[in-house]
C-alpha atoms as a PDB file:
ATOM      1  CA  UNK A   1      86.516 198.184  84.688  1.00  0.00           C
ATOM      2  CA  UNK A   2      84.185 194.804  85.320  1.00  0.00           C
ATOM      3  CA  UNK A   3      81.932 193.948  82.320  1.00  0.00           C
ATOM      4  CA  UNK A   4      78.663 192.668  82.512  1.00  0.00           C
ATOM      5  CA  UNK A   5      78.166 189.303  81.295  1.00  0.00           C
ATOM      6  CA  UNK A   6      74.141 188.743  79.925  1.00  0.00           C
ATOM      7  CA  UNK A   7      72.253 186.006  81.738  1.00  0.00           C
ATOM      8  CA  UNK A   8      71.887 183.026  79.565  1.00  0.00           C
ATOM      9  CA  UNK A   9      68.517 182.586  78.141  1.00  0.00           C
ATOM     10  CA  UNK A  10      66.046 179.773  79.496  1.00  0.00           C
ATOM     11  CA  UNK A  11      65.953 176.953  76.477  1.00  0.00           C
ATOM     12  CA  UNK A  12      62.779 176.170  75.141  1.00  0.00           C
ATOM     13  CA  UNK A  13      61.296 172.907  75.354  1.00  0.00           C
ATOM     14  CA  UNK A  14      60.007 171.095  72.639  1.00  0.00           C
ATOM     15  CA  UNK A  15      56.163 171.308  73.846  1.00  0.00           C
ATOM     16  CA  UNK A  16      57.139 175.603  74.422  1.00  0.00           C
ATOM     17  CA  UNK A  17      57.995 176.063  70.440  1.00  0.00           C
ATOM     18  CA  UNK A  18      55.255 173.827  69.767  1.00  0.00           C
ATOM     19  CA  UNK A  19      53.012 175.692  71.550  1.00  0.00           C
ATOM     20  CA  UNK A  20      54.482 178.959  70.770  1.00  0.00           C
ATOM     21  CA  UNK A  21      54.065 178.014  66.950  1.00  0.00           C
ATOM     22  CA  UNK A  22      50.463 176.951  67.158  1.00  0.00           C
ATOM     23  CA  UNK A  23      49.661 180.419  68.712  1.00  0.00           C
ATOM     24  CA  UNK A  24      51.325 182.073  66.157  1.00  0.00           C
ATOM     25  CA  UNK A  25      49.836 180.263  62.992  1.00  0.00           C
ATOM     26  CA  UNK A  26      46.334 180.619  64.973  1.00  0.00           C
ATOM     27  CA  UNK A  27      46.963 183.803  64.944  1.00  0.00           C
ATOM     28  CA  UNK A  28      47.935 183.956  61.216  1.00  0.00           C
ATOM     29  CA  UNK A  29      44.763 182.168  60.044  1.00  0.00           C
ATOM     30  CA  UNK A  30      42.452 184.310  61.418  1.00  0.00           C
ATOM     31  CA  UNK A  31      44.234 187.751  59.461  1.00  0.00           C
ATOM     32  CA  UNK A  32      44.398 185.670  56.480  1.00  0.00           C
ATOM     33  CA  UNK A  33      40.688 184.757  56.468  1.00  0.00           C
ATOM     34  CA  UNK A  34      39.850 187.937  56.815  1.00  0.00           C
ATOM     35  CA  UNK A  35      42.157 189.267  54.466  1.00  0.00           C
ATOM     36  CA  UNK A  36      40.632 186.848  52.031  1.00  0.00           C
ATOM     37  CA  UNK A  37      36.941 187.582  52.426  1.00  0.00           C
ATOM     38  CA  UNK A  38      38.366 191.439  52.346  1.00  0.00           C
ATOM     39  CA  UNK A  39      40.053 190.542  49.197  1.00  0.00           C
ATOM     40  CA  UNK A  40      37.040 188.492  47.315  1.00  0.00           C
ATOM     41  CA  UNK A  41      34.313 190.844  48.031  1.00  0.00           C
ATOM     42  CA  UNK A  42      36.279 193.486  46.821  1.00  0.00           C
ATOM     43  CA  UNK A  43      37.065 191.970  43.483  1.00  0.00           C
ATOM     44  CA  UNK A  44      33.084 191.054  43.085  1.00  0.00           C
ATOM     45  CA  UNK A  45      31.815 194.177  43.919  1.00  0.00           C
ATOM     46  CA  UNK A  46      34.190 196.079  41.103  1.00  0.00           C
ATOM     47  CA  UNK A  47      31.467 195.100  38.388  1.00  0.00           C
ATOM     48  CA  UNK A  48      28.880 196.373  40.037  1.00  0.00           C
ATOM     49  CA  UNK A  49      30.379 200.026  41.647  1.00  0.00           C
ATOM     50  CA  UNK A  50      31.287 200.243  37.244  1.00  0.00           C
ATOM     51  CA  UNK A  51      27.891 198.549  35.638  1.00  0.00           C
ATOM     52  CA  UNK A  52      25.541 201.560  34.214  1.00  0.00           C
ATOM     53  CA  UNK A  53      22.934 201.498  36.984  1.00  0.00           C
ATOM     54  CA  UNK A  54      19.799 201.020  34.682  1.00  0.00           C
ATOM     55  CA  UNK A  55      20.841 197.243  34.561  1.00  0.00           C
ATOM     56  CA  UNK A  56      20.808 197.011  38.998  1.00  0.00           C
ATOM     57  CA  UNK A  57      17.237 196.249  40.232  1.00  0.00           C
ATOM     58  CA  UNK A  58      15.003 198.877  40.878  1.00  0.00           C
ATOM     59  CA  UNK A  59      17.645 201.217  38.073  1.00  0.00           C
ATOM     60  CA  UNK A  60      18.679 203.555  40.422  1.00  0.00           C
ATOM     61  CA  UNK A  61      20.638 206.913  39.618  1.00  0.00           C
ATOM     62  CA  UNK A  62      23.932 205.061  40.987  1.00  0.00           C
ATOM     63  CA  UNK A  63      25.244 202.389  42.901  1.00  0.00           C
ATOM     64  CA  UNK A  64      25.280 204.638  45.954  1.00  0.00           C
ATOM     65  CA  UNK A  65      21.561 205.549  45.409  1.00  0.00           C
ATOM     66  CA  UNK A  66      20.799 201.855  45.778  1.00  0.00           C
ATOM     67  CA  UNK A  67      22.957 201.247  49.009  1.00  0.00           C
ATOM     68  CA  UNK A  68      21.852 203.917  51.276  1.00  0.00           C
ATOM     69  CA  UNK A  69      18.271 202.609  52.379  1.00  0.00           C
ATOM     70  CA  UNK A  70      20.237 199.120  52.765  1.00  0.00           C
ATOM     71  CA  UNK A  71      23.077 200.798  55.284  1.00  0.00           C
ATOM     72  CA  UNK A  72      20.722 203.172  56.953  1.00  0.00           C
ATOM     73  CA  UNK A  73      18.600 200.152  57.871  1.00  0.00           C
ATOM     74  CA  UNK A  74      21.050 198.437  58.745  1.00  0.00           C
ATOM     75  CA  UNK A  75      22.176 200.446  61.149  1.00  0.00           C
ATOM     76  CA  UNK A  76      18.603 202.281  62.365  1.00  0.00           C
ATOM     77  CA  UNK A  77      17.501 198.060  62.801  1.00  0.00           C
ATOM     78  CA  UNK A  78      20.145 197.255  65.132  1.00  0.00           C
ATOM     79  CA  UNK A  79      20.966 201.033  66.928  1.00  0.00           C
ATOM     80  CA  UNK A  80      17.393 200.556  68.015  1.00  0.00           C
ATOM     81  CA  UNK A  81      18.072 196.381  69.652  1.00  0.00           C
ATOM     82  CA  UNK A  82      21.081 197.440  70.771  1.00  0.00           C
ATOM     83  CA  UNK A  83      19.171 200.734  73.296  1.00  0.00           C
ATOM     84  CA  UNK A  84      16.401 198.662  74.079  1.00  0.00           C
ATOM     85  CA  UNK A  85      18.629 195.411  74.659  1.00  0.00           C
ATOM     86  CA  UNK A  86      21.702 197.239  76.628  1.00  0.00           C
ATOM     87  CA  UNK A  87      19.658 198.696  80.169  1.00  0.00           C
ATOM     88  CA  UNK A  88      18.098 195.504  80.329  1.00  0.00           C
ATOM     89  CA  UNK A  89      20.989 193.180  79.995  1.00  0.00           C
ATOM     90  CA  UNK A  90      22.966 195.283  82.217  1.00  0.00           C
ATOM     91  CA  UNK A  91      20.118 195.097  84.807  1.00  0.00           C
ATOM     92  CA  UNK A  92      20.041 191.192  84.268  1.00  0.00           C
ATOM     93  CA  UNK A  93      23.397 190.900  85.048  1.00  0.00           C
ATOM     94  CA  UNK A  94      23.670 192.975  87.917  1.00  0.00           C
ATOM     95  CA  UNK A  95      20.803 190.611  89.559  1.00  0.00           C
ATOM     96  CA  UNK A  96      22.552 187.524  88.713  1.00  0.00           C
ATOM     97  CA  UNK A  97      26.203 188.674  90.393  1.00  0.00           C
ATOM     98  CA  UNK A  98      25.080 190.877  92.826  1.00  0.00           C
ATOM     99  CA  UNK A  99      21.151 190.533  94.072  1.00  0.00           C
ATOM    100  CA  UNK A 100      20.158 187.176  93.342  1.00  0.00           C
ATOM    101  CA  UNK A 101      20.282 184.139  95.708  1.00  0.00           C
ATOM    102  CA  UNK A 102      22.677 181.487  94.705  1.00  0.00           C
ATOM    103  CA  UNK A 103      20.260 179.127  93.572  1.00  0.00           C
ATOM    104  CA  UNK A 104      18.237 181.338  91.879  1.00  0.00           C
ATOM    105  CA  UNK A 105      21.248 183.204  90.398  1.00  0.00           C
ATOM    106  CA  UNK A 106      22.146 179.551  88.680  1.00  0.00           C
ATOM    107  CA  UNK A 107      19.012 179.043  87.349  1.00  0.00           C
ATOM    108  CA  UNK A 108      19.095 182.001  85.305  1.00  0.00           C
ATOM    109  CA  UNK A 109      22.529 181.765  84.274  1.00  0.00           C
ATOM    110  CA  UNK A 110      21.256 178.758  83.070  1.00  0.00           C
ATOM    111  CA  UNK A 111      18.712 180.580  81.306  1.00  0.00           C
ATOM    112  CA  UNK A 112      20.196 182.744  80.018  1.00  0.00           C
ATOM    113  CA  UNK A 113      22.869 180.145  78.460  1.00  0.00           C
ATOM    114  CA  UNK A 114      19.742 178.723  76.777  1.00  0.00           C
ATOM    115  CA  UNK A 115      18.346 181.458  75.381  1.00  0.00           C
ATOM    116  CA  UNK A 116      21.834 182.212  73.990  1.00  0.00           C
ATOM    117  CA  UNK A 117      21.585 178.823  71.644  1.00  0.00           C
ATOM    118  CA  UNK A 118      18.335 179.795  70.385  1.00  0.00           C
ATOM    119  CA  UNK A 119      18.089 180.063  66.599  1.00  0.00           C
ATOM    120  CA  UNK A 120      17.134 182.795  64.791  1.00  0.00           C
ATOM    121  CA  UNK A 121      14.238 181.722  62.526  1.00  0.00           C
ATOM    122  CA  UNK A 122      12.615 180.361  65.660  1.00  0.00           C
ATOM    123  CA  UNK A 123      13.167 184.193  66.755  1.00  0.00           C
ATOM    124  CA  UNK A 124      11.526 184.890  63.616  1.00  0.00           C
ATOM    125  CA  UNK A 125       8.467 182.648  63.556  1.00  0.00           C
ATOM    126  CA  UNK A 126       7.671 184.223  67.096  1.00  0.00           C
ATOM    127  CA  UNK A 127       7.972 187.841  66.018  1.00  0.00           C
ATOM    128  CA  UNK A 128       5.665 187.461  62.921  1.00  0.00           C
ATOM    129  CA  UNK A 129       3.005 184.726  64.049  1.00  0.00           C
ATOM    130  CA  UNK A 130       3.133 186.379  67.802  1.00  0.00           C
ATOM    131  CA  UNK A 131       4.427 189.432  68.202  1.00  0.00           C
ATOM    132  CA  UNK A 132       3.381 191.923  65.048  1.00  0.00           C
ATOM    133  CA  UNK A 133       0.203 190.839  65.563  1.00  0.00           C
ATOM    134  CA  UNK A 134       0.302 191.818  68.816  1.00  0.00           C
ATOM    135  CA  UNK A 135       1.947 195.340  68.580  1.00  0.00           C
ATOM    136  CA  UNK A 136      -0.690 196.737  66.452  1.00  0.00           C
ATOM    137  CA  UNK A 137      -2.894 198.266  68.842  1.00  0.00           C
ATOM    138  CA  UNK A 138      -0.026 199.603  70.676  1.00  0.00           C
ATOM    139  CA  UNK A 139       0.944 201.415  67.192  1.00  0.00           C
ATOM    140  CA  UNK A 140      -2.075 202.152  66.575  1.00  0.00           C
ATOM    141  CA  UNK A 141      -2.347 204.373  69.975  1.00  0.00           C
ATOM    142  CA  UNK A 142       1.192 205.932  69.722  1.00  0.00           C
ATOM    143  CA  UNK A 143       0.295 207.242  66.004  1.00  0.00           C
ATOM    144  CA  UNK A 144      -3.188 207.943  67.275  1.00  0.00           C
ATOM    145  CA  UNK A 145      -1.455 209.924  70.545  1.00  0.00           C
ATOM    146  CA  UNK A 146       1.317 210.453  69.889  1.00  0.00           C
ATOM    147  CA  UNK A 147       1.056 210.800  65.729  1.00  0.00           C
ATOM    148  CA  UNK A 148       2.663 214.716  66.076  1.00  0.00           C
ATOM    149  CA  UNK A 149       6.487 213.388  66.910  1.00  0.00           C
ATOM    150  CA  UNK A 150       7.897 212.257  63.339  1.00  0.00           C
ATOM    151  CA  UNK A 151       9.066 208.649  64.302  1.00  0.00           C
ATOM    152  CA  UNK A 152       5.311 208.046  65.454  1.00  0.00           C
ATOM    153  CA  UNK A 153       3.931 209.628  61.946  1.00  0.00           C
ATOM    154  CA  UNK A 154       0.634 208.445  60.595  1.00  0.00           C
ATOM    155  CA  UNK A 155      -0.084 206.074  58.381  1.00  0.00           C
ATOM    156  CA  UNK A 156       0.175 203.105  60.957  1.00  0.00           C
ATOM    157  CA  UNK A 157       0.974 200.037  59.829  1.00  0.00           C
ATOM    158  CA  UNK A 158      -1.778 197.465  60.090  1.00  0.00           C
ATOM    159  CA  UNK A 159       0.451 194.148  60.060  1.00  0.00           C
ATOM    160  CA  UNK A 160       2.314 195.042  63.001  1.00  0.00           C
ATOM    161  CA  UNK A 161       6.140 194.154  60.598  1.00  0.00           C
ATOM    162  CA  UNK A 162       8.216 197.962  61.155  1.00  0.00           C
ATOM    163  CA  UNK A 163      11.573 198.473  61.842  1.00  0.00           C
ATOM    164  CA  UNK A 164      10.772 198.398  65.808  1.00  0.00           C
ATOM    165  CA  UNK A 165       9.144 195.036  65.481  1.00  0.00           C
ATOM    166  CA  UNK A 166      12.244 193.727  64.389  1.00  0.00           C
ATOM    167  CA  UNK A 167      14.387 196.078  66.152  1.00  0.00           C
ATOM    168  CA  UNK A 168      12.089 194.317  69.512  1.00  0.00           C
ATOM    169  CA  UNK A 169      13.011 190.540  68.096  1.00  0.00           C
ATOM    170  CA  UNK A 170      16.759 191.675  67.523  1.00  0.00           C
ATOM    171  CA  UNK A 171      16.841 193.333  71.389  1.00  0.00           C
ATOM    172  CA  UNK A 172      15.323 189.756  72.861  1.00  0.00           C
ATOM    173  CA  UNK A 173      18.414 187.740  70.563  1.00  0.00           C
ATOM    174  CA  UNK A 174      20.862 189.812  71.920  1.00  0.00           C
ATOM    175  CA  UNK A 175      19.937 190.053  75.084  1.00  0.00           C
ATOM    176  CA  UNK A 176      21.423 186.982  76.274  1.00  0.00           C
ATOM    177  CA  UNK A 177      24.596 187.571  74.920  1.00  0.00           C
ATOM    178  CA  UNK A 178      24.953 191.126  76.593  1.00  0.00           C
ATOM    179  CA  UNK A 179      23.663 189.597  79.470  1.00  0.00           C
ATOM    180  CA  UNK A 180      26.157 186.299  80.067  1.00  0.00           C
ATOM    181  CA  UNK A 181      29.479 188.262  78.858  1.00  0.00           C
ATOM    182  CA  UNK A 182      28.288 191.295  81.427  1.00  0.00           C
ATOM    183  CA  UNK A 183      27.507 188.825  84.132  1.00  0.00           C
ATOM    184  CA  UNK A 184      30.872 187.050  84.010  1.00  0.00           C
ATOM    185  CA  UNK A 185      32.696 190.545  83.591  1.00  0.00           C
ATOM    186  CA  UNK A 186      30.852 192.012  86.998  1.00  0.00           C
ATOM    187  CA  UNK A 187      31.415 188.311  88.555  1.00  0.00           C
ATOM    188  CA  UNK A 188      35.521 189.349  88.633  1.00  0.00           C
ATOM    189  CA  UNK A 189      35.249 192.520  90.065  1.00  0.00           C
ATOM    190  CA  UNK A 190      38.206 192.490  92.767  1.00  0.00           C
ATOM    191  CA  UNK A 191      36.187 191.883  96.394  1.00  0.00           C
ATOM    192  CA  UNK A 192      38.110 193.717  97.656  1.00  0.00           C
ATOM    193  CA  UNK A 193      37.314 196.722  95.811  1.00  0.00           C
ATOM    194  CA  UNK A 194      33.630 196.123  96.614  1.00  0.00           C
ATOM    195  CA  UNK A 195      34.396 195.403 100.248  1.00  0.00           C
ATOM    196  CA  UNK A 196      36.142 198.683 100.887  1.00  0.00           C
ATOM    197  CA  UNK A 197      33.538 200.894  99.139  1.00  0.00           C
ATOM    198  CA  UNK A 198      30.751 198.937 101.791  1.00  0.00           C
ATOM    199  CA  UNK A 199      33.295 199.424 104.861  1.00  0.00           C
ATOM    200  CA  UNK A 200      33.211 203.472 104.225  1.00  0.00           C
ATOM    201  CA  UNK A 201      29.542 203.204 104.561  1.00  0.00           C
ATOM    202  CA  UNK A 202      28.535 202.950 100.280  1.00  0.00           C
ATOM    203  CA  UNK A 203      24.838 201.092 100.096  1.00  0.00           C
ATOM    204  CA  UNK A 204      24.647 198.549  97.512  1.00  0.00           C
ATOM    205  CA  UNK A 205      23.935 200.083  94.328  1.00  0.00           C
ATOM    206  CA  UNK A 206      26.665 202.664  95.400  1.00  0.00           C
ATOM    207  CA  UNK A 207      29.541 200.111  95.814  1.00  0.00           C
ATOM    208  CA  UNK A 208      28.219 199.097  92.455  1.00  0.00           C
ATOM    209  CA  UNK A 209      28.754 202.257  90.525  1.00  0.00           C
ATOM    210  CA  UNK A 210      32.160 202.940  92.375  1.00  0.00           C
ATOM    211  CA  UNK A 211      33.481 199.430  92.077  1.00  0.00           C
ATOM    212  CA  UNK A 212      31.242 197.313  89.240  1.00  0.00           C
ATOM    213  CA  UNK A 213      30.713 199.009  86.744  1.00  0.00           C
ATOM    214  CA  UNK A 214      33.913 200.997  86.448  1.00  0.00           C
ATOM    215  CA  UNK A 215      36.404 198.017  86.305  1.00  0.00           C
ATOM    216  CA  UNK A 216      33.562 196.322  83.637  1.00  0.00           C
ATOM    217  CA  UNK A 217      33.327 199.318  81.754  1.00  0.00           C
ATOM    218  CA  UNK A 218      35.868 198.221  78.810  1.00  0.00           C
ATOM    219  CA  UNK A 219      33.815 194.631  79.275  1.00  0.00           C
ATOM    220  CA  UNK A 220      30.380 196.267  78.837  1.00  0.00           C
ATOM    221  CA  UNK A 221      31.531 198.041  75.748  1.00  0.00           C
ATOM    222  CA  UNK A 222      32.941 194.553  74.550  1.00  0.00           C
ATOM    223  CA  UNK A 223      29.418 193.040  75.137  1.00  0.00           C
ATOM    224  CA  UNK A 224      27.862 195.901  73.413  1.00  0.00           C
ATOM    225  CA  UNK A 225      29.745 195.191  70.133  1.00  0.00           C
ATOM    226  CA  UNK A 226      29.216 191.604  70.128  1.00  0.00           C
ATOM    227  CA  UNK A 227      25.558 192.122  70.903  1.00  0.00           C
ATOM    228  CA  UNK A 228      25.236 194.669  67.481  1.00  0.00           C
ATOM    229  CA  UNK A 229      27.641 192.445  65.711  1.00  0.00           C
ATOM    230  CA  UNK A 230      25.010 190.161  65.797  1.00  0.00           C
ATOM    231  CA  UNK A 231      22.019 192.178  65.552  1.00  0.00           C
ATOM    232  CA  UNK A 232      23.717 194.080  62.247  1.00  0.00           C
ATOM    233  CA  UNK A 233      24.186 190.980  60.369  1.00  0.00           C
ATOM    234  CA  UNK A 234      20.452 189.273  61.249  1.00  0.00           C
ATOM    235  CA  UNK A 235      19.234 188.220  58.555  1.00  0.00           C
ATOM    236  CA  UNK A 236      16.518 184.967  58.984  1.00  0.00           C
ATOM    237  CA  UNK A 237      14.429 187.760  61.371  1.00  0.00           C
ATOM    238  CA  UNK A 238      14.772 190.519  58.883  1.00  0.00           C
ATOM    239  CA  UNK A 239      13.825 188.537  56.009  1.00  0.00           C
ATOM    240  CA  UNK A 240      10.941 186.906  57.724  1.00  0.00           C
ATOM    241  CA  UNK A 241       9.380 190.032  60.025  1.00  0.00           C
ATOM    242  CA  UNK A 242       9.882 193.270  58.101  1.00  0.00           C
ATOM    243  CA  UNK A 243       7.776 194.949  55.226  1.00  0.00           C
ATOM    244  CA  UNK A 244      10.835 196.343  53.890  1.00  0.00           C
ATOM    245  CA  UNK A 245      10.681 198.925  51.060  1.00  0.00           C
ATOM    246  CA  UNK A 246      13.352 200.885  48.923  1.00  0.00           C
ATOM    247  CA  UNK A 247      13.382 204.625  50.893  1.00  0.00           C
ATOM    248  CA  UNK A 248      14.922 205.963  54.108  1.00  0.00           C
ATOM    249  CA  UNK A 249      12.642 207.009  56.456  1.00  0.00           C
ATOM    250  CA  UNK A 250      13.016 207.205  60.741  1.00  0.00           C
ATOM    251  CA  UNK A 251       9.107 206.051  61.146  1.00  0.00           C
ATOM    252  CA  UNK A 252       9.358 203.257  63.175  1.00  0.00           C
ATOM    253  CA  UNK A 253       5.117 202.689  63.402  1.00  0.00           C
ATOM    254  CA  UNK A 254       4.350 202.718  59.037  1.00  0.00           C
ATOM    255  CA  UNK A 255       3.611 200.302  56.883  1.00  0.00           C
ATOM    256  CA  UNK A 256       6.949 200.914  54.661  1.00  0.00           C
ATOM    257  CA  UNK A 257      10.436 200.622  56.466  1.00  0.00           C
ATOM    258  CA  UNK A 258      13.911 200.621  54.984  1.00  0.00           C
ATOM    259  CA  UNK A 259      15.515 197.401  54.166  1.00  0.00           C
ATOM    260  CA  UNK A 260      18.755 195.631  55.318  1.00  0.00           C
ATOM    261  CA  UNK A 261      21.521 194.812  54.057  1.00  0.00           C
ATOM    262  CA  UNK A 262      21.628 191.189  55.248  1.00  0.00           C
ATOM    263  CA  UNK A 263      17.644 190.859  54.348  1.00  0.00           C
ATOM    264  CA  UNK A 264      18.157 192.155  51.592  1.00  0.00           C
ATOM    265  CA  UNK A 265      20.421 189.474  50.264  1.00  0.00           C
ATOM    266  CA  UNK A 266      18.768 186.746  51.800  1.00  0.00           C
ATOM    267  CA  UNK A 267      15.795 187.796  50.021  1.00  0.00           C
ATOM    268  CA  UNK A 268      16.959 188.636  46.336  1.00  0.00           C
ATOM    269  CA  UNK A 269      20.085 185.751  45.937  1.00  0.00           C
ATOM    270  CA  UNK A 270      18.101 183.248  44.844  1.00  0.00           C
ATOM    271  CA  UNK A 271      16.742 185.141  42.067  1.00  0.00           C
ATOM    272  CA  UNK A 272      19.411 187.462  41.274  1.00  0.00           C
ATOM    273  CA  UNK A 273      21.576 186.628  37.900  1.00  0.00           C
ATOM    274  CA  UNK A 274      24.358 188.994  36.151  1.00  0.00           C
ATOM    275  CA  UNK A 275      25.737 192.305  37.615  1.00  0.00           C
ATOM    276  CA  UNK A 276      22.922 191.985  40.266  1.00  0.00           C
ATOM    277  CA  UNK A 277      24.798 189.191  42.000  1.00  0.00           C
ATOM    278  CA  UNK A 278      27.636 191.632  42.435  1.00  0.00           C
ATOM    279  CA  UNK A 279      25.173 194.346  42.905  1.00  0.00           C
ATOM    280  CA  UNK A 280      24.560 192.197  46.158  1.00  0.00           C
ATOM    281  CA  UNK A 281      27.928 191.133  46.967  1.00  0.00           C
ATOM    282  CA  UNK A 282      29.009 194.840  46.692  1.00  0.00           C
ATOM    283  CA  UNK A 283      26.220 195.825  49.604  1.00  0.00           C
ATOM    284  CA  UNK A 284      28.097 192.804  51.590  1.00  0.00           C
ATOM    285  CA  UNK A 285      30.935 194.694  51.612  1.00  0.00           C
ATOM    286  CA  UNK A 286      29.643 197.899  52.715  1.00  0.00           C
ATOM    287  CA  UNK A 287      28.363 195.812  55.617  1.00  0.00           C
ATOM    288  CA  UNK A 288      31.295 194.333  56.611  1.00  0.00           C
ATOM    289  CA  UNK A 289      33.247 197.889  56.448  1.00  0.00           C
ATOM    290  CA  UNK A 290      30.134 199.084  58.492  1.00  0.00           C
ATOM    291  CA  UNK A 291      31.443 196.300  61.201  1.00  0.00           C
ATOM    292  CA  UNK A 292      34.799 197.195  60.912  1.00  0.00           C
ATOM    293  CA  UNK A 293      34.522 201.072  61.734  1.00  0.00           C
ATOM    294  CA  UNK A 294      32.066 200.088  64.599  1.00  0.00           C
ATOM    295  CA  UNK A 295      34.627 197.286  65.622  1.00  0.00           C
ATOM    296  CA  UNK A 296      37.524 199.383  65.464  1.00  0.00           C
ATOM    297  CA  UNK A 297      35.672 202.543  67.383  1.00  0.00           C
ATOM    298  CA  UNK A 298      34.556 200.316  69.803  1.00  0.00           C
ATOM    299  CA  UNK A 299      38.457 199.080  70.497  1.00  0.00           C
ATOM    300  CA  UNK A 300      40.114 202.554  70.208  1.00  0.00           C
ATOM    301  CA  UNK A 301      37.428 203.541  73.246  1.00  0.00           C
ATOM    302  CA  UNK A 302      38.555 200.048  75.313  1.00  0.00           C
ATOM    303  CA  UNK A 303      41.819 200.604  74.553  1.00  0.00           C
ATOM    304  CA  UNK A 304      41.463 204.509  76.521  1.00  0.00           C
ATOM    305  CA  UNK A 305      41.843 202.162  79.794  1.00  0.00           C
ATOM    306  CA  UNK A 306      44.986 201.645  80.323  1.00  0.00           C
ATOM    307  CA  UNK A 307      44.361 198.506  83.107  1.00  0.00           C
ATOM    308  CA  UNK A 308      44.324 195.212  81.215  1.00  0.00           C
ATOM    309  CA  UNK A 309      41.056 192.700  80.588  1.00  0.00           C
ATOM    310  CA  UNK A 310      40.046 190.432  78.196  1.00  0.00           C
ATOM    311  CA  UNK A 311      38.512 193.032  76.195  1.00  0.00           C
ATOM    312  CA  UNK A 312      41.826 195.212  75.374  1.00  0.00           C
END
């Protein structure tokens, strides 16, 4: 009977040990920082959860009545922004990666990268000074001609500072982020897959449908979630452009709009004191949970694709 001796393991060099240890430490720091943020938010939120609701700003009947319009406005504005930004971003990314000449693609790619670095306060100034006044006639036309539709119910806002204006500005903000990621994902599509589709008689658009988009689906979802995360946590644009009111409404063109968590914190934190500070921190915890849930759902969708990509 012959015994099989196990092959000796390769001896790790000092550089390998250092690199391996550094990566473990880096990953641990990320988890520790996330846990520290969660613990801080939870600990500071407890006083707002157990206090008499009459002591909170606006004297709601409960804390959840106070936070519900904020959570709704946050998700609603971010969803509208993503709904507008994703198709445009995909179109720009496909044009850069598969249609535009090399020089045009390089120029557009450079411009997209520059737009991603523009500070949010610049977008906020553009939204409140230029976009909001310019879009009022469109809102008036929508209310006059489509007022029967619940999203455009009268009365119309006279200033243009509505949730739809905020969503448009947020969409402009996240388009460069989604476009840049999708462009890189589309450029990594195996050339053999594209050439095989074209050799079988597919048009360029059919090749994109059969080879590029299926390969880039995890990257598209990751890009969309990254853009959505930016829209969910945006502060300055909402604080500068939106005219908020404490209510839940789906109307896009009205003067009363649901506030967002980030905008509410930015506007009220300087004057808050006592338990109201804890209430604002508690709303931050709600935003933390919303973002965590959305990213977890996106991760589940991405991981359903077994092939490895940068997203999974």
